[in-house]
Amino acid sequence: MSTSSEQSTVLPLSAPAKPPEVFTPPPSVTDLNSLTDGRNEGAYATRYGVGAWVQIAFELSYLVGMLVAALAGLLLLAKYAVFKEQTGFIFSLLGPAERSKALQLYATISLSGICGGCSSALKWLYHSVAKQRWHRDRVVWRLTVPLLSGTLAVFTGMMIVSGLVPFLARSWLTGLTAAAAFGFFVGLFSDNLLAALEKVAFNIFGTMNDRTKQSDQTDATPK
């Protein structure tokens, strides 16, 4: 066998990695590939099996249920704060409205963060299903993102109110309307906020690599 024939039979060890897909608005209303998710005209049949649709329906029901529950909680909280209720479930948790303004603020932020997280997860769910990017392993993300968003929103609010995050003024985060808007915004972009807070933490505390280098330099310094 010649050298050229041997070379022609050699296969590459690995294919070039595909760039990650980025979900963006269609460039124009005439971009049919974006508007139709790449399907041909008349191609209406689903591309998922029954088992996949069972899990998709479960994820959809969970996210919608969490969203409705959080909105109901916000409605009850607003009713309690406006009418100064002296009875009911919210009153039993928070006590008199005049003395529980801080609790009302953080409860509003947390519930609004859950709403934002559910909205973000629902958006990615219908995008991934339509564009054939849905897969079962993402279920962990969709189950945890509403709870993570609510937790992140309330503790970020505490960081602002306490002055721990100095680049945001804490004077505006006092009313329930501002708290609801802030919580929803944080929940909607919780992944981005986590990345930003990670950079802040690195600037303040450094990284394990930095600490290891400092330790090595200290050990190597002559005594």
C-alpha atoms as a PDB file:
ATOM      1  CA  MET A   1       0.000   0.000   0.000  1.00  0.00           C
ATOM      2  CA  SER A   2       1.374   3.413  -0.962  1.00  0.00           C
ATOM      3  CA  THR A   3       1.916   6.272   1.440  1.00  0.00           C
ATOM      4  CA  SER A   4      -0.839   8.306  -0.188  1.00  0.00           C
ATOM      5  CA  SER A   5      -3.365   5.483   0.197  1.00  0.00           C
ATOM      6  CA  GLU A   6      -2.376   5.016   3.840  1.00  0.00           C
ATOM      7  CA  GLN A   7      -2.835   8.720   4.507  1.00  0.00           C
ATOM      8  CA  SER A   8      -6.248   8.677   2.855  1.00  0.00           C
ATOM      9  CA  THR A   9      -7.488   6.063   5.304  1.00  0.00           C
ATOM     10  CA  VAL A  10      -6.452   8.034   8.420  1.00  0.00           C
ATOM     11  CA  LEU A  11      -9.486   9.499  10.180  1.00  0.00           C
ATOM     12  CA  PRO A  12      -9.378  12.551  12.440  1.00  0.00           C
ATOM     13  CA  LEU A  13      -9.443  11.713  16.130  1.00  0.00           C
ATOM     14  CA  SER A  14     -12.015  14.365  16.964  1.00  0.00           C
ATOM     15  CA  ALA A  15     -14.357  16.565  14.997  1.00  0.00           C
ATOM     16  CA  PRO A  16     -14.226  20.336  15.488  1.00  0.00           C
ATOM     17  CA  ALA A  17     -16.502  21.478  18.292  1.00  0.00           C
ATOM     18  CA  LYS A  18     -19.759  23.102  17.273  1.00  0.00           C
ATOM     19  CA  PRO A  19     -20.147  26.652  18.536  1.00  0.00           C
ATOM     20  CA  PRO A  20     -22.816  26.935  21.245  1.00  0.00           C
ATOM     21  CA  GLU A  21     -26.224  28.065  20.039  1.00  0.00           C
ATOM     22  CA  VAL A  22     -27.257  31.540  21.068  1.00  0.00           C
ATOM     23  CA  PHE A  23     -30.970  32.376  21.235  1.00  0.00           C
ATOM     24  CA  THR A  24     -31.495  35.816  19.726  1.00  0.00           C
ATOM     25  CA  PRO A  25     -34.459  37.628  18.176  1.00  0.00           C
ATOM     26  CA  PRO A  26     -34.928  37.067  14.427  1.00  0.00           C
ATOM     27  CA  PRO A  27     -32.935  39.559  12.334  1.00  0.00           C
ATOM     28  CA  SER A  28     -36.128  40.504  10.524  1.00  0.00           C
ATOM     29  CA  VAL A  29     -39.745  39.414  10.185  1.00  0.00           C
ATOM     30  CA  THR A  30     -38.859  37.807   6.856  1.00  0.00           C
ATOM     31  CA  ASP A  31     -36.335  35.407   8.382  1.00  0.00           C
ATOM     32  CA  LEU A  32     -38.531  32.324   7.962  1.00  0.00           C
ATOM     33  CA  ASN A  33     -35.872  29.947   9.281  1.00  0.00           C
ATOM     34  CA  SER A  34     -36.157  31.629  12.694  1.00  0.00           C
ATOM     35  CA  LEU A  35     -39.917  32.049  12.562  1.00  0.00           C
ATOM     36  CA  THR A  36     -40.552  28.412  11.578  1.00  0.00           C
ATOM     37  CA  ASP A  37     -37.739  26.817  13.643  1.00  0.00           C
ATOM     38  CA  GLY A  38     -36.215  25.501  10.413  1.00  0.00           C
ATOM     39  CA  ARG A  39     -39.256  23.380   9.444  1.00  0.00           C
ATOM     40  CA  ASN A  40     -40.604  23.009   5.948  1.00  0.00           C
ATOM     41  CA  GLU A  41     -44.058  24.326   5.158  1.00  0.00           C
ATOM     42  CA  GLY A  42     -46.725  21.895   6.359  1.00  0.00           C
ATOM     43  CA  ALA A  43     -44.361  19.957   8.668  1.00  0.00           C
ATOM     44  CA  TYR A  44     -46.549  19.982  11.772  1.00  0.00           C
ATOM     45  CA  ALA A  45     -45.755  16.547  13.278  1.00  0.00           C
ATOM     46  CA  THR A  46     -43.867  16.439  16.565  1.00  0.00           C
ATOM     47  CA  ARG A  47     -40.288  15.232  16.590  1.00  0.00           C
ATOM     48  CA  TYR A  48     -40.419  13.901  20.154  1.00  0.00           C
ATOM     49  CA  GLY A  49     -41.659  10.568  21.415  1.00  0.00           C
ATOM     50  CA  VAL A  50     -44.341   9.982  24.035  1.00  0.00           C
ATOM     51  CA  GLY A  51     -41.811   9.573  26.851  1.00  0.00           C
ATOM     52  CA  ALA A  52     -40.195  12.905  26.031  1.00  0.00           C
ATOM     53  CA  TRP A  53     -43.552  14.685  25.942  1.00  0.00           C
ATOM     54  CA  VAL A  54     -44.435  13.271  29.370  1.00  0.00           C
ATOM     55  CA  GLN A  55     -41.348  14.901  30.842  1.00  0.00           C
ATOM     56  CA  ILE A  56     -41.896  18.121  28.874  1.00  0.00           C
ATOM     57  CA  ALA A  57     -45.462  18.292  30.209  1.00  0.00           C
ATOM     58  CA  PHE A  58     -44.179  17.691  33.751  1.00  0.00           C
ATOM     59  CA  GLU A  59     -41.577  20.470  33.460  1.00  0.00           C
ATOM     60  CA  LEU A  60     -44.158  22.836  31.979  1.00  0.00           C
ATOM     61  CA  SER A  61     -46.698  22.039  34.719  1.00  0.00           C
ATOM     62  CA  TYR A  62     -44.087  22.499  37.444  1.00  0.00           C
ATOM     63  CA  LEU A  63     -42.918  25.890  36.154  1.00  0.00           C
ATOM     64  CA  VAL A  64     -46.451  27.185  35.555  1.00  0.00           C
ATOM     65  CA  GLY A  65     -47.519  25.928  38.992  1.00  0.00           C
ATOM     66  CA  MET A  66     -44.578  27.659  40.671  1.00  0.00           C
ATOM     67  CA  LEU A  67     -45.326  30.863  38.774  1.00  0.00           C
ATOM     68  CA  VAL A  68     -49.015  30.832  39.723  1.00  0.00           C
ATOM     69  CA  ALA A  69     -48.202  30.073  43.370  1.00  0.00           C
ATOM     70  CA  ALA A  70     -45.679  32.919  43.551  1.00  0.00           C
ATOM     71  CA  LEU A  71     -48.116  35.354  41.918  1.00  0.00           C
ATOM     72  CA  ALA A  72     -50.833  34.284  44.350  1.00  0.00           C
ATOM     73  CA  GLY A  73     -48.430  34.875  47.237  1.00  0.00           C
ATOM     74  CA  LEU A  74     -47.629  38.343  45.917  1.00  0.00           C
ATOM     75  CA  LEU A  75     -51.350  39.116  45.616  1.00  0.00           C
ATOM     76  CA  LEU A  76     -52.023  38.015  49.197  1.00  0.00           C
ATOM     77  CA  LEU A  77     -49.025  39.991  50.424  1.00  0.00           C
ATOM     78  CA  ALA A  78     -50.162  43.133  48.601  1.00  0.00           C
ATOM     79  CA  LYS A  79     -53.683  42.753  49.987  1.00  0.00           C
ATOM     80  CA  TYR A  80     -52.269  42.355  53.502  1.00  0.00           C
ATOM     81  CA  ALA A  81     -50.009  45.422  53.140  1.00  0.00           C
ATOM     82  CA  VAL A  82     -52.637  47.697  51.590  1.00  0.00           C
ATOM     83  CA  PHE A  83     -55.591  46.835  53.823  1.00  0.00           C
ATOM     84  CA  LYS A  84     -53.517  46.312  56.993  1.00  0.00           C
ATOM     85  CA  GLU A  85     -55.184  42.961  57.620  1.00  0.00           C
ATOM     86  CA  GLN A  86     -55.303  41.686  61.193  1.00  0.00           C
ATOM     87  CA  THR A  87     -56.247  38.109  60.297  1.00  0.00           C
ATOM     88  CA  GLY A  88     -55.364  35.511  57.717  1.00  0.00           C
ATOM     89  CA  PHE A  89     -52.384  33.416  56.693  1.00  0.00           C
ATOM     90  CA  ILE A  90     -50.022  36.322  55.913  1.00  0.00           C
ATOM     91  CA  PHE A  91     -50.837  38.011  59.224  1.00  0.00           C
ATOM     92  CA  SER A  92     -50.066  34.794  61.107  1.00  0.00           C
ATOM     93  CA  LEU A  93     -46.642  34.682  59.434  1.00  0.00           C
ATOM     94  CA  LEU A  94     -45.611  38.346  59.509  1.00  0.00           C
ATOM     95  CA  GLY A  95     -47.656  39.881  62.316  1.00  0.00           C
ATOM     96  CA  PRO A  96     -49.029  43.452  62.245  1.00  0.00           C
ATOM     97  CA  ALA A  97     -48.375  45.220  58.936  1.00  0.00           C
ATOM     98  CA  GLU A  98     -47.011  48.363  60.601  1.00  0.00           C
ATOM     99  CA  ARG A  99     -44.248  46.417  62.363  1.00  0.00           C
ATOM    100  CA  SER A 100     -43.274  43.964  59.623  1.00  0.00           C
ATOM    101  CA  LYS A 101     -42.207  46.246  56.775  1.00  0.00           C
ATOM    102  CA  ALA A 102     -38.786  44.608  56.479  1.00  0.00           C
ATOM    103  CA  LEU A 103     -40.351  41.151  56.316  1.00  0.00           C
ATOM    104  CA  GLN A 104     -42.827  42.368  53.686  1.00  0.00           C
ATOM    105  CA  LEU A 105     -39.940  43.771  51.649  1.00  0.00           C
ATOM    106  CA  TYR A 106     -37.894  40.559  51.623  1.00  0.00           C
ATOM    107  CA  ALA A 107     -40.941  38.340  51.078  1.00  0.00           C
ATOM    108  CA  THR A 108     -41.871  40.459  48.064  1.00  0.00           C
ATOM    109  CA  ILE A 109     -38.331  40.230  46.671  1.00  0.00           C
ATOM    110  CA  SER A 110     -38.237  36.460  47.141  1.00  0.00           C
ATOM    111  CA  LEU A 111     -41.627  35.788  45.515  1.00  0.00           C
ATOM    112  CA  SER A 112     -40.834  38.155  42.640  1.00  0.00           C
ATOM    113  CA  GLY A 113     -37.493  36.401  42.152  1.00  0.00           C
ATOM    114  CA  ILE A 114     -39.335  33.091  41.815  1.00  0.00           C
ATOM    115  CA  CYS A 115     -41.602  34.697  39.186  1.00  0.00           C
ATOM    116  CA  GLY A 116     -38.558  35.908  37.265  1.00  0.00           C
ATOM    117  CA  GLY A 117     -36.860  32.515  37.460  1.00  0.00           C
ATOM    118  CA  CYS A 118     -39.999  30.731  36.250  1.00  0.00           C
ATOM    119  CA  SER A 119     -40.343  33.190  33.360  1.00  0.00           C
ATOM    120  CA  SER A 120     -36.724  32.610  32.327  1.00  0.00           C
ATOM    121  CA  ALA A 121     -37.043  28.819  32.545  1.00  0.00           C
ATOM    122  CA  LEU A 122     -40.331  28.831  30.614  1.00  0.00           C
ATOM    123  CA  LYS A 123     -38.746  30.897  27.856  1.00  0.00           C
ATOM    124  CA  TRP A 124     -35.857  28.459  27.528  1.00  0.00           C
ATOM    125  CA  LEU A 125     -38.249  25.495  27.679  1.00  0.00           C
ATOM    126  CA  TYR A 126     -40.338  26.540  24.688  1.00  0.00           C
ATOM    127  CA  HIS A 127     -37.255  27.643  22.754  1.00  0.00           C
ATOM    128  CA  SER A 128     -35.450  24.347  23.320  1.00  0.00           C
ATOM    129  CA  VAL A 129     -38.517  22.247  22.482  1.00  0.00           C
ATOM    130  CA  ALA A 130     -39.224  24.121  19.255  1.00  0.00           C
ATOM    131  CA  LYS A 131     -35.592  24.184  18.128  1.00  0.00           C
ATOM    132  CA  GLN A 132     -35.029  20.479  18.992  1.00  0.00           C
ATOM    133  CA  ARG A 133     -32.500  21.395  21.702  1.00  0.00           C
ATOM    134  CA  TRP A 134     -34.538  19.951  24.571  1.00  0.00           C
ATOM    135  CA  HIS A 135     -32.990  17.043  26.448  1.00  0.00           C
ATOM    136  CA  ARG A 136     -33.808  15.239  29.673  1.00  0.00           C
ATOM    137  CA  ASP A 137     -30.695  16.182  31.610  1.00  0.00           C
ATOM    138  CA  ARG A 138     -31.794  19.834  31.703  1.00  0.00           C
ATOM    139  CA  VAL A 139     -34.622  18.887  34.091  1.00  0.00           C
ATOM    140  CA  VAL A 140     -32.383  19.547  37.103  1.00  0.00           C
ATOM    141  CA  TRP A 141     -31.838  23.129  35.959  1.00  0.00           C
ATOM    142  CA  ARG A 142     -35.536  23.727  35.340  1.00  0.00           C
ATOM    143  CA  LEU A 143     -36.521  22.332  38.747  1.00  0.00           C
ATOM    144  CA  THR A 144     -34.000  24.374  40.698  1.00  0.00           C
ATOM    145  CA  VAL A 145     -33.887  27.703  38.861  1.00  0.00           C
ATOM    146  CA  PRO A 146     -37.099  29.178  40.430  1.00  0.00           C
ATOM    147  CA  LEU A 147     -35.922  28.362  43.969  1.00  0.00           C
ATOM    148  CA  LEU A 148     -32.402  29.528  43.204  1.00  0.00           C
ATOM    149  CA  SER A 149     -33.717  32.760  41.684  1.00  0.00           C
ATOM    150  CA  GLY A 150     -35.881  33.522  44.724  1.00  0.00           C
ATOM    151  CA  THR A 151     -33.001  32.829  47.118  1.00  0.00           C
ATOM    152  CA  LEU A 152     -30.536  34.857  45.059  1.00  0.00           C
ATOM    153  CA  ALA A 153     -32.959  37.783  44.795  1.00  0.00           C
ATOM    154  CA  VAL A 154     -33.618  38.067  48.528  1.00  0.00           C
ATOM    155  CA  PHE A 155     -29.960  37.778  49.552  1.00  0.00           C
ATOM    156  CA  THR A 156     -28.885  40.240  46.853  1.00  0.00           C
ATOM    157  CA  GLY A 157     -31.467  42.643  48.269  1.00  0.00           C
ATOM    158  CA  MET A 158     -29.958  42.139  51.728  1.00  0.00           C
ATOM    159  CA  MET A 159     -26.501  42.879  50.322  1.00  0.00           C
ATOM    160  CA  ILE A 160     -27.777  46.172  48.887  1.00  0.00           C
ATOM    161  CA  VAL A 161     -29.706  47.224  52.002  1.00  0.00           C
ATOM    162  CA  SER A 162     -26.763  46.385  54.267  1.00  0.00           C
ATOM    163  CA  GLY A 163     -24.305  48.269  52.058  1.00  0.00           C
ATOM    164  CA  LEU A 164     -22.232  45.171  51.277  1.00  0.00           C
ATOM    165  CA  VAL A 165     -22.709  45.837  47.553  1.00  0.00           C
ATOM    166  CA  PRO A 166     -21.526  49.451  47.284  1.00  0.00           C
ATOM    167  CA  PHE A 167     -22.196  50.099  43.595  1.00  0.00           C
ATOM    168  CA  LEU A 168     -25.993  50.150  44.082  1.00  0.00           C
ATOM    169  CA  ALA A 169     -27.755  52.766  46.195  1.00  0.00           C
ATOM    170  CA  ARG A 170     -29.863  51.249  48.963  1.00  0.00           C
ATOM    171  CA  SER A 171     -32.201  54.223  49.364  1.00  0.00           C
ATOM    172  CA  TRP A 172     -34.484  53.170  46.497  1.00  0.00           C
ATOM    173  CA  LEU A 173     -35.061  49.614  47.777  1.00  0.00           C
ATOM    174  CA  THR A 174     -37.666  50.532  50.385  1.00  0.00           C
ATOM    175  CA  GLY A 175     -41.122  50.296  48.764  1.00  0.00           C
ATOM    176  CA  LEU A 176     -42.834  47.049  47.841  1.00  0.00           C
ATOM    177  CA  THR A 177     -43.219  48.088  44.187  1.00  0.00           C
ATOM    178  CA  ALA A 178     -39.476  48.636  43.828  1.00  0.00           C
ATOM    179  CA  ALA A 179     -38.857  45.377  45.709  1.00  0.00           C
ATOM    180  CA  ALA A 180     -41.112  43.441  43.314  1.00  0.00           C
ATOM    181  CA  ALA A 181     -39.441  44.952  40.247  1.00  0.00           C
ATOM    182  CA  PHE A 182     -35.977  44.278  41.657  1.00  0.00           C
ATOM    183  CA  GLY A 183     -36.786  40.683  42.600  1.00  0.00           C
ATOM    184  CA  PHE A 184     -38.264  39.886  39.183  1.00  0.00           C
ATOM    185  CA  PHE A 185     -35.268  41.422  37.403  1.00  0.00           C
ATOM    186  CA  VAL A 186     -32.788  39.446  39.493  1.00  0.00           C
ATOM    187  CA  GLY A 187     -34.760  36.220  39.016  1.00  0.00           C
ATOM    188  CA  LEU A 188     -35.020  36.730  35.265  1.00  0.00           C
ATOM    189  CA  PHE A 189     -31.254  37.177  34.912  1.00  0.00           C
ATOM    190  CA  SER A 190     -30.100  35.059  37.860  1.00  0.00           C
ATOM    191  CA  ASP A 191     -27.441  33.237  35.816  1.00  0.00           C
ATOM    192  CA  ASN A 192     -25.892  36.558  34.773  1.00  0.00           C
ATOM    193  CA  LEU A 193     -25.998  37.873  38.343  1.00  0.00           C
ATOM    194  CA  LEU A 194     -24.292  34.766  39.689  1.00  0.00           C
ATOM    195  CA  ALA A 195     -21.448  35.298  37.217  1.00  0.00           C
ATOM    196  CA  ALA A 196     -21.183  38.975  38.208  1.00  0.00           C
ATOM    197  CA  LEU A 197     -21.163  38.171  41.942  1.00  0.00           C
ATOM    198  CA  GLU A 198     -18.499  35.555  41.313  1.00  0.00           C
ATOM    199  CA  LYS A 199     -16.257  38.229  39.782  1.00  0.00           C
ATOM    200  CA  VAL A 200     -16.880  40.499  42.774  1.00  0.00           C
ATOM    201  CA  ALA A 201     -15.964  37.659  45.140  1.00  0.00           C
ATOM    202  CA  PHE A 202     -12.771  36.971  43.187  1.00  0.00           C
ATOM    203  CA  ASN A 203     -11.782  40.639  43.447  1.00  0.00           C
ATOM    204  CA  ILE A 204     -12.415  40.691  47.205  1.00  0.00           C
ATOM    205  CA  PHE A 205     -11.215  37.263  48.306  1.00  0.00           C
ATOM    206  CA  GLY A 206      -9.075  36.128  45.384  1.00  0.00           C
ATOM    207  CA  THR A 207      -9.059  32.596  44.034  1.00  0.00           C
ATOM    208  CA  MET A 208      -7.637  29.328  45.327  1.00  0.00           C
ATOM    209  CA  ASN A 209      -4.853  29.594  42.721  1.00  0.00           C
ATOM    210  CA  ASP A 210      -3.865  33.017  44.078  1.00  0.00           C
ATOM    211  CA  ARG A 211      -3.830  31.691  47.636  1.00  0.00           C
ATOM    212  CA  THR A 212      -1.733  28.686  46.577  1.00  0.00           C
ATOM    213  CA  LYS A 213       0.807  30.943  44.838  1.00  0.00           C
ATOM    214  CA  GLN A 214       1.041  33.217  47.880  1.00  0.00           C
ATOM    215  CA  SER A 215       1.528  30.185  50.120  1.00  0.00           C
ATOM    216  CA  ASP A 216       4.265  28.808  47.854  1.00  0.00           C
ATOM    217  CA  GLN A 217       6.028  32.183  47.768  1.00  0.00           C
ATOM    218  CA  THR A 218       5.869  32.435  51.546  1.00  0.00           C
ATOM    219  CA  ASP A 219       7.323  28.973  51.954  1.00  0.00           C
ATOM    220  CA  ALA A 220      10.092  29.727  49.473  1.00  0.00           C
ATOM    221  CA  THR A 221      11.131  32.987  51.162  1.00  0.00           C
ATOM    222  CA  PRO A 222      14.432  32.551  53.061  1.00  0.00           C
ATOM    223  CA  LYS A 223      14.087  32.859  56.817  1.00  0.00           C
END
